[in-house]
């Protein structure tokens, strides 16, 4: 990609690295690996589609999924071959331009959030995630971080749990008791 097209050489001017145009004759870091992943995923999906009903007839339940995944496999293979032939871009690295450390950290945060959600519950897990995420991203004081994180959590909880009555994992928080307290306060009991 042309540096004038996207901004400064560090790519930290607020513009996107994914802006159309890119490098038409070169491959960016990670591009070949992703193309190979898509080819393998298409092959696995084709195998699964074949398992629906085999190659019995054109009207069989698996014929449309097999045709679709076959087209996916062919096109992913074509993209992989075309990408493998391209020379690498010289001025980009995976760590700086494609997958910086902050993205990897947040992937870790999301994995921990998912693992903690059921045993600990929605409210404490989301509170911890929001506090850490806002502290890392905003780089502001603890007062601001706690106010924004907990205020957001209260709004999210009220909208989903009280307004839409979505069941959220309770975990260690006695959520039903809190809801009953709110109901009692609102009803005047």
N, C-alpha and C. Protein backbone atom coordinates (compact mmCIF):
# COMPACT_ATOMS: atom_id res chain seq x y z
N UNK A 1 0.85 -1.17 0.00
CA UNK A 1 0.00 0.00 0.00
C UNK A 1 0.89 1.23 0.00
N UNK A 2 0.46 2.22 -0.64
CA UNK A 2 1.17 3.48 -0.77
C UNK A 2 1.05 4.26 0.55
N UNK A 3 2.17 4.68 1.19
CA UNK A 3 2.08 5.40 2.46
C UNK A 3 1.25 6.68 2.38
N UNK A 4 1.24 7.36 1.24
CA UNK A 4 0.43 8.57 1.11
C UNK A 4 -1.06 8.24 1.11
N UNK A 5 -1.39 7.03 0.70
CA UNK A 5 -2.79 6.62 0.59
C UNK A 5 -3.42 6.43 1.97
N UNK A 6 -2.65 5.95 2.94
CA UNK A 6 -3.21 5.56 4.22
C UNK A 6 -2.79 6.49 5.35
N UNK A 7 -1.80 7.26 5.21
CA UNK A 7 -1.36 8.14 6.29
C UNK A 7 0.10 7.94 6.59
N UNK A 8 0.48 8.17 7.82
CA UNK A 8 1.89 8.08 8.18
C UNK A 8 2.39 6.64 8.15
N UNK A 9 3.69 6.49 8.24
CA UNK A 9 4.27 5.16 8.11
C UNK A 9 3.97 4.27 9.31
N UNK A 10 3.59 4.85 10.45
CA UNK A 10 3.25 4.04 11.62
C UNK A 10 1.80 3.60 11.63
N UNK A 11 0.98 4.15 10.75
CA UNK A 11 -0.44 3.81 10.62
C UNK A 11 -1.24 4.18 11.87
N UNK A 12 -0.83 5.20 12.60
CA UNK A 12 -1.53 5.57 13.82
C UNK A 12 -2.25 6.91 13.66
N UNK A 13 -2.67 7.23 12.46
CA UNK A 13 -3.36 8.49 12.24
C UNK A 13 -4.87 8.33 12.22
N UNK A 14 -5.37 7.15 12.59
CA UNK A 14 -6.80 6.92 12.65
C UNK A 14 -7.39 6.31 11.40
N UNK A 15 -6.59 6.14 10.35
CA UNK A 15 -7.12 5.51 9.14
C UNK A 15 -6.94 4.01 9.24
N UNK A 16 -7.62 3.28 8.40
CA UNK A 16 -7.64 1.83 8.47
C UNK A 16 -6.59 1.21 7.56
N UNK A 17 -5.96 0.13 8.04
CA UNK A 17 -5.06 -0.64 7.19
C UNK A 17 -5.84 -1.43 6.15
N UNK A 18 -7.13 -1.61 6.39
CA UNK A 18 -7.95 -2.42 5.50
C UNK A 18 -8.62 -1.58 4.41
N UNK A 19 -8.15 -0.36 4.21
CA UNK A 19 -8.73 0.49 3.18
C UNK A 19 -8.55 -0.17 1.82
N UNK A 20 -9.60 -0.23 1.01
CA UNK A 20 -9.46 -0.84 -0.31
C UNK A 20 -8.35 -0.17 -1.11
N UNK A 21 -7.66 -0.94 -1.87
CA UNK A 21 -6.53 -0.44 -2.65
C UNK A 21 -5.32 -1.27 -2.30
N UNK A 22 -4.92 -1.23 -1.05
CA UNK A 22 -3.88 -2.08 -0.53
C UNK A 22 -2.67 -2.20 -1.42
N UNK A 23 -2.09 -3.38 -1.42
CA UNK A 23 -0.95 -3.70 -2.26
C UNK A 23 -1.43 -4.70 -3.31
N UNK A 24 -1.72 -4.27 -4.51
CA UNK A 24 -2.29 -5.20 -5.49
C UNK A 24 -1.33 -6.31 -5.92
N UNK A 25 -0.02 -6.08 -5.85
CA UNK A 25 0.93 -7.08 -6.35
C UNK A 25 1.79 -7.68 -5.26
N UNK A 26 1.48 -7.42 -3.99
CA UNK A 26 2.27 -7.95 -2.88
C UNK A 26 1.33 -8.51 -1.82
N UNK A 27 1.86 -9.43 -1.01
CA UNK A 27 1.03 -9.98 0.06
C UNK A 27 1.48 -9.43 1.41
N UNK A 28 0.50 -9.14 2.23
CA UNK A 28 0.76 -8.59 3.56
C UNK A 28 1.05 -9.72 4.53
N UNK A 29 1.66 -9.42 5.67
CA UNK A 29 1.94 -10.46 6.66
C UNK A 29 0.64 -11.15 7.10
N UNK A 30 0.67 -12.46 7.16
CA UNK A 30 -0.49 -13.23 7.59
C UNK A 30 -1.48 -13.56 6.49
N UNK A 31 -1.33 -12.95 5.34
CA UNK A 31 -2.30 -13.15 4.26
C UNK A 31 -2.27 -14.58 3.73
N UNK A 32 -1.08 -15.14 3.55
CA UNK A 32 -0.98 -16.51 3.05
C UNK A 32 -1.52 -17.50 4.09
N UNK A 33 -1.18 -17.30 5.34
CA UNK A 33 -1.69 -18.18 6.40
C UNK A 33 -3.20 -18.17 6.47
N UNK A 34 -3.80 -16.99 6.32
CA UNK A 34 -5.26 -16.89 6.35
C UNK A 34 -5.88 -17.58 5.14
N UNK A 35 -5.25 -17.43 3.98
CA UNK A 35 -5.76 -18.09 2.77
C UNK A 35 -5.69 -19.61 2.92
N UNK A 36 -4.61 -20.11 3.50
CA UNK A 36 -4.49 -21.56 3.75
C UNK A 36 -5.56 -22.01 4.74
N UNK A 37 -5.79 -21.22 5.79
CA UNK A 37 -6.84 -21.54 6.76
C UNK A 37 -8.20 -21.63 6.08
N UNK A 38 -8.52 -20.68 5.20
CA UNK A 38 -9.80 -20.71 4.49
C UNK A 38 -9.93 -21.95 3.61
N UNK A 39 -8.84 -22.35 2.98
CA UNK A 39 -8.87 -23.55 2.14
C UNK A 39 -9.12 -24.79 2.99
N UNK A 40 -8.43 -24.91 4.11
CA UNK A 40 -8.62 -26.07 5.00
C UNK A 40 -10.04 -26.07 5.58
N UNK A 41 -10.52 -24.90 6.00
CA UNK A 41 -11.88 -24.80 6.55
C UNK A 41 -12.91 -25.19 5.50
N UNK A 42 -12.70 -24.79 4.25
CA UNK A 42 -13.62 -25.15 3.17
C UNK A 42 -13.62 -26.66 2.94
N UNK A 43 -12.43 -27.27 3.03
CA UNK A 43 -12.33 -28.72 2.86
C UNK A 43 -13.07 -29.45 3.99
N UNK A 44 -12.92 -28.99 5.21
CA UNK A 44 -13.63 -29.59 6.35
C UNK A 44 -15.14 -29.43 6.18
N UNK A 45 -15.58 -28.26 5.75
CA UNK A 45 -17.01 -28.04 5.54
C UNK A 45 -17.55 -28.91 4.41
N UNK A 46 -16.76 -29.11 3.36
CA UNK A 46 -17.17 -30.00 2.27
C UNK A 46 -17.33 -31.43 2.79
N UNK A 47 -16.39 -31.87 3.61
CA UNK A 47 -16.48 -33.21 4.20
C UNK A 47 -17.74 -33.33 5.06
N UNK A 48 -18.03 -32.31 5.85
CA UNK A 48 -19.23 -32.33 6.69
C UNK A 48 -20.50 -32.31 5.83
N UNK A 49 -20.49 -31.54 4.75
CA UNK A 49 -21.65 -31.49 3.86
C UNK A 49 -21.86 -32.85 3.19
N UNK A 50 -20.78 -33.52 2.83
CA UNK A 50 -20.87 -34.86 2.24
C UNK A 50 -21.52 -35.83 3.24
N UNK A 51 -21.25 -35.64 4.50
CA UNK A 51 -21.81 -36.50 5.54
C UNK A 51 -23.31 -36.35 5.71
N UNK A 52 -23.91 -35.31 5.16
CA UNK A 52 -25.36 -35.12 5.30
C UNK A 52 -26.10 -36.23 4.56
N UNK A 53 -25.76 -36.45 3.29
CA UNK A 53 -26.47 -37.50 2.54
C UNK A 53 -25.63 -38.14 1.44
N UNK A 54 -24.36 -37.81 1.39
CA UNK A 54 -23.51 -38.39 0.36
C UNK A 54 -23.81 -37.83 -1.02
N UNK A 55 -23.44 -38.59 -2.06
CA UNK A 55 -23.65 -38.16 -3.44
C UNK A 55 -24.83 -38.89 -4.08
N UNK A 56 -25.88 -39.14 -3.32
CA UNK A 56 -27.03 -39.92 -3.79
C UNK A 56 -27.73 -39.34 -5.00
N UNK A 57 -28.18 -38.10 -4.91
CA UNK A 57 -28.95 -37.49 -6.00
C UNK A 57 -28.84 -35.98 -5.90
N UNK A 58 -29.18 -35.31 -7.02
CA UNK A 58 -29.15 -33.85 -7.01
C UNK A 58 -30.17 -33.25 -6.06
N UNK A 59 -31.24 -33.98 -5.78
CA UNK A 59 -32.27 -33.47 -4.88
C UNK A 59 -32.04 -33.90 -3.43
N UNK A 60 -30.92 -34.56 -3.15
CA UNK A 60 -30.63 -35.01 -1.79
C UNK A 60 -30.40 -33.81 -0.88
N UNK A 61 -30.66 -33.97 0.42
CA UNK A 61 -30.52 -32.85 1.36
C UNK A 61 -29.12 -32.23 1.39
N UNK A 62 -28.09 -33.01 1.08
CA UNK A 62 -26.73 -32.48 1.15
C UNK A 62 -26.20 -31.90 -0.14
N UNK A 63 -27.00 -31.91 -1.20
CA UNK A 63 -26.48 -31.46 -2.50
C UNK A 63 -26.16 -29.97 -2.54
N UNK A 64 -27.03 -29.13 -1.99
CA UNK A 64 -26.76 -27.68 -1.99
C UNK A 64 -25.58 -27.35 -1.08
N UNK A 65 -25.52 -27.89 0.16
CA UNK A 65 -24.33 -27.62 0.97
C UNK A 65 -23.04 -28.13 0.33
N UNK A 66 -23.10 -29.29 -0.33
CA UNK A 66 -21.89 -29.80 -0.99
C UNK A 66 -21.48 -28.91 -2.15
N UNK A 67 -22.43 -28.46 -2.95
CA UNK A 67 -22.10 -27.57 -4.07
C UNK A 67 -21.52 -26.26 -3.55
N UNK A 68 -22.13 -25.72 -2.51
CA UNK A 68 -21.65 -24.46 -1.95
C UNK A 68 -20.24 -24.60 -1.39
N UNK A 69 -20.01 -25.65 -0.60
CA UNK A 69 -18.68 -25.81 0.00
C UNK A 69 -17.64 -26.21 -1.04
N UNK A 70 -18.05 -26.89 -2.11
CA UNK A 70 -17.12 -27.19 -3.20
C UNK A 70 -16.66 -25.90 -3.87
N UNK A 71 -17.61 -25.00 -4.12
CA UNK A 71 -17.26 -23.69 -4.71
C UNK A 71 -16.34 -22.92 -3.75
N UNK A 72 -16.65 -23.00 -2.45
CA UNK A 72 -15.77 -22.34 -1.47
C UNK A 72 -14.36 -22.91 -1.53
N UNK A 73 -14.25 -24.24 -1.61
CA UNK A 73 -12.94 -24.89 -1.66
C UNK A 73 -12.16 -24.48 -2.91
N UNK A 74 -12.82 -24.48 -4.05
CA UNK A 74 -12.15 -24.11 -5.31
C UNK A 74 -11.67 -22.66 -5.26
N UNK A 75 -12.55 -21.75 -4.84
CA UNK A 75 -12.16 -20.33 -4.82
C UNK A 75 -11.11 -20.06 -3.75
N UNK A 76 -11.22 -20.72 -2.59
CA UNK A 76 -10.19 -20.53 -1.55
C UNK A 76 -8.85 -21.07 -2.03
N UNK A 77 -8.87 -22.20 -2.75
CA UNK A 77 -7.64 -22.74 -3.33
C UNK A 77 -7.02 -21.79 -4.34
N UNK A 78 -7.87 -21.19 -5.17
CA UNK A 78 -7.37 -20.21 -6.15
C UNK A 78 -6.74 -19.00 -5.45
N UNK A 79 -7.40 -18.51 -4.41
CA UNK A 79 -6.85 -17.37 -3.66
C UNK A 79 -5.53 -17.76 -3.01
N UNK A 80 -5.45 -18.97 -2.45
CA UNK A 80 -4.22 -19.42 -1.81
C UNK A 80 -3.08 -19.49 -2.81
N UNK A 81 -3.32 -20.07 -3.97
CA UNK A 81 -2.27 -20.16 -4.99
C UNK A 81 -1.84 -18.78 -5.47
N UNK A 82 -2.81 -17.90 -5.72
CA UNK A 82 -2.47 -16.55 -6.17
C UNK A 82 -1.67 -15.81 -5.10
N UNK A 83 -2.09 -15.95 -3.84
CA UNK A 83 -1.41 -15.26 -2.74
C UNK A 83 0.00 -15.81 -2.55
N UNK A 84 0.18 -17.12 -2.67
CA UNK A 84 1.50 -17.73 -2.48
C UNK A 84 2.51 -17.24 -3.52
N UNK A 85 2.04 -16.89 -4.70
CA UNK A 85 2.94 -16.42 -5.77
C UNK A 85 3.40 -14.98 -5.58
N UNK A 86 2.69 -14.22 -4.78
CA UNK A 86 3.03 -12.80 -4.60
C UNK A 86 4.24 -12.63 -3.68
N UNK A 87 5.06 -11.62 -3.95
CA UNK A 87 6.16 -11.33 -3.02
C UNK A 87 5.61 -10.65 -1.76
N UNK A 88 6.35 -10.80 -0.66
CA UNK A 88 5.93 -10.19 0.60
C UNK A 88 6.16 -8.68 0.57
N UNK A 89 5.32 -7.96 1.29
CA UNK A 89 5.52 -6.52 1.48
C UNK A 89 6.72 -6.35 2.40
N UNK A 90 7.62 -5.47 2.04
CA UNK A 90 8.86 -5.33 2.80
C UNK A 90 8.71 -4.49 4.07
N UNK A 91 7.80 -3.52 4.09
CA UNK A 91 7.78 -2.57 5.19
C UNK A 91 6.70 -2.84 6.24
N UNK A 92 6.13 -4.03 6.27
CA UNK A 92 5.11 -4.35 7.27
C UNK A 92 5.49 -5.62 8.02
N UNK A 93 5.08 -5.66 9.29
CA UNK A 93 5.27 -6.86 10.09
C UNK A 93 3.93 -7.25 10.71
N UNK A 94 3.82 -8.50 11.07
CA UNK A 94 2.59 -8.98 11.70
C UNK A 94 2.37 -8.28 13.03
N UNK A 95 3.42 -8.10 13.82
CA UNK A 95 3.28 -7.53 15.16
C UNK A 95 2.90 -6.05 15.14
N UNK A 96 3.39 -5.29 14.19
CA UNK A 96 3.10 -3.85 14.17
C UNK A 96 1.86 -3.49 13.37
N UNK A 97 1.63 -4.16 12.26
CA UNK A 97 0.62 -3.70 11.32
C UNK A 97 -0.64 -4.56 11.25
N UNK A 98 -0.56 -5.81 11.61
CA UNK A 98 -1.70 -6.70 11.44
C UNK A 98 -2.29 -7.11 12.79
N UNK A 99 -1.46 -7.57 13.71
CA UNK A 99 -1.93 -8.09 14.99
C UNK A 99 -1.07 -7.53 16.12
N UNK A 100 -1.28 -6.25 16.48
CA UNK A 100 -0.46 -5.66 17.55
C UNK A 100 -0.75 -6.30 18.91
N UNK A 101 0.15 -6.04 19.84
CA UNK A 101 0.07 -6.63 21.18
C UNK A 101 -1.27 -6.31 21.86
N UNK A 102 -1.79 -5.12 21.69
CA UNK A 102 -3.05 -4.75 22.33
C UNK A 102 -4.19 -5.65 21.86
N UNK A 103 -4.20 -6.02 20.61
CA UNK A 103 -5.24 -6.92 20.09
C UNK A 103 -5.09 -8.30 20.73
N UNK A 104 -3.88 -8.79 20.84
CA UNK A 104 -3.64 -10.09 21.46
C UNK A 104 -4.07 -10.06 22.93
N UNK A 105 -3.79 -8.97 23.62
CA UNK A 105 -4.21 -8.84 25.02
C UNK A 105 -5.73 -8.90 25.12
N UNK A 106 -6.44 -8.21 24.24
CA UNK A 106 -7.90 -8.22 24.31
C UNK A 106 -8.50 -9.56 23.90
N UNK A 107 -7.84 -10.28 23.02
CA UNK A 107 -8.28 -11.65 22.73
C UNK A 107 -8.18 -12.48 24.01
N UNK A 108 -7.08 -12.31 24.74
CA UNK A 108 -6.94 -12.99 26.03
C UNK A 108 -8.01 -12.58 27.02
N UNK A 109 -8.31 -11.28 27.09
CA UNK A 109 -9.38 -10.79 27.97
C UNK A 109 -10.70 -11.47 27.63
N UNK A 110 -11.02 -11.57 26.35
CA UNK A 110 -12.29 -12.18 25.93
C UNK A 110 -12.34 -13.67 26.25
N UNK A 111 -11.21 -14.36 26.12
CA UNK A 111 -11.16 -15.78 26.48
C UNK A 111 -11.40 -15.94 27.98
N UNK A 112 -10.74 -15.12 28.79
CA UNK A 112 -10.94 -15.17 30.24
C UNK A 112 -12.39 -14.83 30.59
N UNK A 113 -12.96 -13.82 29.93
CA UNK A 113 -14.36 -13.45 30.14
C UNK A 113 -15.27 -14.65 29.88
N UNK A 114 -15.05 -15.33 28.76
CA UNK A 114 -15.87 -16.49 28.42
C UNK A 114 -15.72 -17.63 29.41
N UNK A 115 -14.51 -17.85 29.92
CA UNK A 115 -14.29 -18.92 30.89
C UNK A 115 -14.88 -18.59 32.26
N UNK A 116 -14.87 -17.34 32.64
CA UNK A 116 -15.37 -16.93 33.95
C UNK A 116 -16.88 -16.72 33.99
N UNK A 117 -17.51 -16.56 32.85
CA UNK A 117 -18.92 -16.15 32.80
C UNK A 117 -19.85 -17.10 33.55
N UNK A 118 -19.75 -18.38 33.32
CA UNK A 118 -20.68 -19.31 33.96
C UNK A 118 -20.38 -19.52 35.45
N UNK A 119 -19.14 -19.82 35.83
CA UNK A 119 -18.91 -20.07 37.27
C UNK A 119 -19.01 -18.82 38.14
N UNK A 120 -18.59 -17.67 37.65
CA UNK A 120 -18.57 -16.45 38.47
C UNK A 120 -19.85 -15.64 38.28
N UNK A 121 -20.40 -15.67 37.08
CA UNK A 121 -21.63 -14.93 36.80
C UNK A 121 -21.38 -13.72 35.92
N UNK A 122 -22.48 -13.21 35.36
CA UNK A 122 -22.37 -12.10 34.42
C UNK A 122 -21.87 -10.82 35.08
N UNK A 123 -22.50 -10.41 36.17
CA UNK A 123 -22.20 -9.10 36.76
C UNK A 123 -20.73 -8.96 37.18
N UNK A 124 -20.18 -9.88 37.99
CA UNK A 124 -18.77 -9.68 38.37
C UNK A 124 -17.80 -9.86 37.20
N UNK A 125 -18.10 -10.79 36.30
CA UNK A 125 -17.22 -11.00 35.15
C UNK A 125 -17.22 -9.79 34.23
N UNK A 126 -18.41 -9.28 33.92
CA UNK A 126 -18.51 -8.10 33.06
C UNK A 126 -17.91 -6.88 33.73
N UNK A 127 -18.10 -6.75 35.05
CA UNK A 127 -17.51 -5.62 35.78
C UNK A 127 -15.98 -5.66 35.67
N UNK A 128 -15.41 -6.82 35.93
CA UNK A 128 -13.95 -6.96 35.84
C UNK A 128 -13.46 -6.67 34.42
N UNK A 129 -14.14 -7.23 33.42
CA UNK A 129 -13.74 -7.00 32.03
C UNK A 129 -13.83 -5.52 31.67
N UNK A 130 -14.94 -4.87 32.01
CA UNK A 130 -15.10 -3.46 31.66
C UNK A 130 -14.08 -2.58 32.39
N UNK A 131 -13.84 -2.85 33.65
CA UNK A 131 -12.87 -2.05 34.41
C UNK A 131 -11.48 -2.17 33.79
N UNK A 132 -11.05 -3.40 33.53
CA UNK A 132 -9.72 -3.61 32.96
C UNK A 132 -9.64 -3.02 31.55
N UNK A 133 -10.66 -3.25 30.73
CA UNK A 133 -10.65 -2.75 29.35
C UNK A 133 -10.62 -1.23 29.31
N UNK A 134 -11.44 -0.59 30.12
CA UNK A 134 -11.48 0.88 30.11
C UNK A 134 -10.18 1.44 30.68
N UNK A 135 -9.64 0.81 31.70
CA UNK A 135 -8.36 1.28 32.27
C UNK A 135 -7.25 1.18 31.23
N UNK A 136 -7.19 0.06 30.51
CA UNK A 136 -6.14 -0.14 29.51
C UNK A 136 -6.33 0.81 28.32
N UNK A 137 -7.56 0.93 27.83
CA UNK A 137 -7.79 1.72 26.62
C UNK A 137 -7.81 3.23 26.88
N UNK A 138 -8.48 3.65 27.95
CA UNK A 138 -8.63 5.09 28.20
C UNK A 138 -7.40 5.69 28.88
N UNK A 139 -6.69 4.88 29.65
CA UNK A 139 -5.51 5.36 30.40
C UNK A 139 -5.85 6.59 31.24
N UNK A 140 -7.01 6.50 31.92
CA UNK A 140 -7.47 7.58 32.79
C UNK A 140 -7.39 7.11 34.23
N UNK A 141 -7.80 7.97 35.14
CA UNK A 141 -7.76 7.64 36.56
C UNK A 141 -8.79 6.59 36.94
N UNK A 142 -8.64 6.09 38.19
CA UNK A 142 -9.52 5.04 38.67
C UNK A 142 -10.95 5.53 38.84
N UNK A 143 -11.13 6.77 39.22
CA UNK A 143 -12.48 7.30 39.38
C UNK A 143 -13.25 7.26 38.07
N UNK A 144 -12.64 7.76 37.02
CA UNK A 144 -13.26 7.74 35.69
C UNK A 144 -13.52 6.30 35.25
N UNK A 145 -12.52 5.45 35.42
CA UNK A 145 -12.64 4.06 34.98
C UNK A 145 -13.79 3.36 35.68
N UNK A 146 -13.86 3.49 37.01
CA UNK A 146 -14.92 2.82 37.76
C UNK A 146 -16.30 3.40 37.44
N UNK A 147 -16.38 4.70 37.30
CA UNK A 147 -17.66 5.34 36.99
C UNK A 147 -18.19 4.87 35.63
N UNK A 148 -17.35 4.89 34.62
CA UNK A 148 -17.78 4.48 33.28
C UNK A 148 -18.08 2.98 33.24
N UNK A 149 -17.20 2.17 33.82
CA UNK A 149 -17.38 0.71 33.76
C UNK A 149 -18.63 0.28 34.53
N UNK A 150 -18.76 0.71 35.77
CA UNK A 150 -19.89 0.27 36.57
C UNK A 150 -21.19 0.92 36.11
N UNK A 151 -21.13 2.17 35.66
CA UNK A 151 -22.32 2.81 35.10
C UNK A 151 -22.81 2.08 33.86
N UNK A 152 -21.87 1.71 32.99
CA UNK A 152 -22.23 0.94 31.79
C UNK A 152 -22.80 -0.42 32.16
N UNK A 153 -22.19 -1.06 33.15
CA UNK A 153 -22.67 -2.38 33.57
C UNK A 153 -24.10 -2.30 34.12
N UNK A 154 -24.38 -1.27 34.90
CA UNK A 154 -25.74 -1.11 35.44
C UNK A 154 -26.75 -0.94 34.30
N UNK A 155 -26.41 -0.10 33.33
CA UNK A 155 -27.32 0.11 32.19
C UNK A 155 -27.50 -1.19 31.41
N UNK A 156 -26.41 -1.90 31.14
CA UNK A 156 -26.49 -3.16 30.41
C UNK A 156 -27.35 -4.16 31.17
N UNK A 157 -27.11 -4.28 32.48
CA UNK A 157 -27.85 -5.24 33.29
C UNK A 157 -29.34 -4.89 33.32
N UNK A 158 -29.65 -3.61 33.51
CA UNK A 158 -31.06 -3.19 33.54
C UNK A 158 -31.76 -3.47 32.21
N UNK A 159 -31.09 -3.15 31.12
CA UNK A 159 -31.71 -3.35 29.81
C UNK A 159 -31.95 -4.83 29.54
N UNK A 160 -30.93 -5.65 29.74
CA UNK A 160 -31.07 -7.06 29.38
C UNK A 160 -31.83 -7.87 30.42
N UNK A 161 -31.54 -7.65 31.69
CA UNK A 161 -32.14 -8.50 32.73
C UNK A 161 -33.53 -8.03 33.13
N UNK A 162 -33.72 -6.72 33.28
CA UNK A 162 -34.99 -6.21 33.77
C UNK A 162 -35.95 -5.90 32.62
N UNK A 163 -35.50 -5.15 31.62
CA UNK A 163 -36.39 -4.75 30.54
C UNK A 163 -36.72 -5.93 29.63
N UNK A 164 -35.70 -6.62 29.12
CA UNK A 164 -35.93 -7.72 28.18
C UNK A 164 -36.01 -9.08 28.86
N UNK A 165 -35.80 -9.15 30.16
CA UNK A 165 -35.82 -10.39 30.96
C UNK A 165 -34.96 -11.51 30.36
N UNK A 166 -33.78 -11.15 29.90
CA UNK A 166 -32.83 -12.14 29.40
C UNK A 166 -32.15 -12.77 30.62
N UNK A 167 -32.10 -14.10 30.65
CA UNK A 167 -31.44 -14.77 31.76
C UNK A 167 -29.93 -14.70 31.55
N UNK A 168 -29.25 -14.06 32.48
CA UNK A 168 -27.80 -13.95 32.45
C UNK A 168 -27.24 -14.88 33.51
N UNK A 169 -26.07 -15.45 33.29
CA UNK A 169 -25.50 -16.35 34.30
C UNK A 169 -25.37 -15.64 35.65
N UNK A 170 -26.01 -16.19 36.68
CA UNK A 170 -26.02 -15.55 38.00
C UNK A 170 -24.69 -15.73 38.72
N UNK A 171 -24.14 -16.93 38.71
CA UNK A 171 -22.87 -17.19 39.38
C UNK A 171 -22.94 -16.93 40.86
N UNK A 172 -22.01 -16.12 41.38
CA UNK A 172 -21.90 -15.88 42.81
C UNK A 172 -22.77 -14.74 43.31
N UNK A 173 -23.41 -14.01 42.41
CA UNK A 173 -24.25 -12.86 42.79
C UNK A 173 -25.69 -13.34 42.95
N UNK A 174 -26.34 -13.04 44.09
CA UNK A 174 -27.74 -13.43 44.28
C UNK A 174 -28.67 -12.51 43.49
N UNK A 175 -28.67 -12.69 42.19
CA UNK A 175 -29.38 -11.79 41.29
C UNK A 175 -30.89 -11.79 41.51
N UNK A 176 -31.47 -12.95 41.77
CA UNK A 176 -32.93 -13.03 41.97
C UNK A 176 -33.36 -12.19 43.17
N UNK A 177 -32.54 -12.18 44.22
CA UNK A 177 -32.86 -11.38 45.41
C UNK A 177 -32.82 -9.89 45.09
N UNK A 178 -31.85 -9.47 44.29
CA UNK A 178 -31.77 -8.05 43.90
C UNK A 178 -33.00 -7.64 43.08
N UNK A 179 -33.39 -8.50 42.17
CA UNK A 179 -34.56 -8.18 41.35
C UNK A 179 -35.81 -8.09 42.22
N UNK A 180 -35.93 -8.98 43.22
CA UNK A 180 -37.09 -8.93 44.12
C UNK A 180 -37.07 -7.66 44.96
N UNK A 181 -35.89 -7.22 45.39
CA UNK A 181 -35.79 -5.96 46.14
C UNK A 181 -36.27 -4.80 45.28
N UNK A 182 -35.84 -4.75 44.00
CA UNK A 182 -36.30 -3.69 43.09
C UNK A 182 -37.81 -3.74 42.90
N UNK A 183 -38.34 -4.95 42.74
CA UNK A 183 -39.79 -5.09 42.56
C UNK A 183 -40.54 -4.62 43.81
N UNK A 184 -40.03 -4.97 44.98
CA UNK A 184 -40.67 -4.54 46.23
C UNK A 184 -40.62 -3.02 46.37
N UNK A 185 -39.48 -2.42 46.01
CA UNK A 185 -39.37 -0.96 46.10
C UNK A 185 -40.34 -0.28 45.15
N UNK A 186 -40.46 -0.82 43.94
CA UNK A 186 -41.34 -0.21 42.94
C UNK A 186 -42.82 -0.42 43.27
N UNK A 187 -43.13 -1.53 43.94
CA UNK A 187 -44.54 -1.79 44.27
C UNK A 187 -44.96 -1.16 45.59
N UNK A 188 -44.01 -0.67 46.37
CA UNK A 188 -44.32 0.00 47.63
C UNK A 188 -44.42 -0.94 48.81
N UNK A 189 -43.97 -2.16 48.70
CA UNK A 189 -44.03 -3.12 49.82
C UNK A 189 -42.86 -2.98 50.74
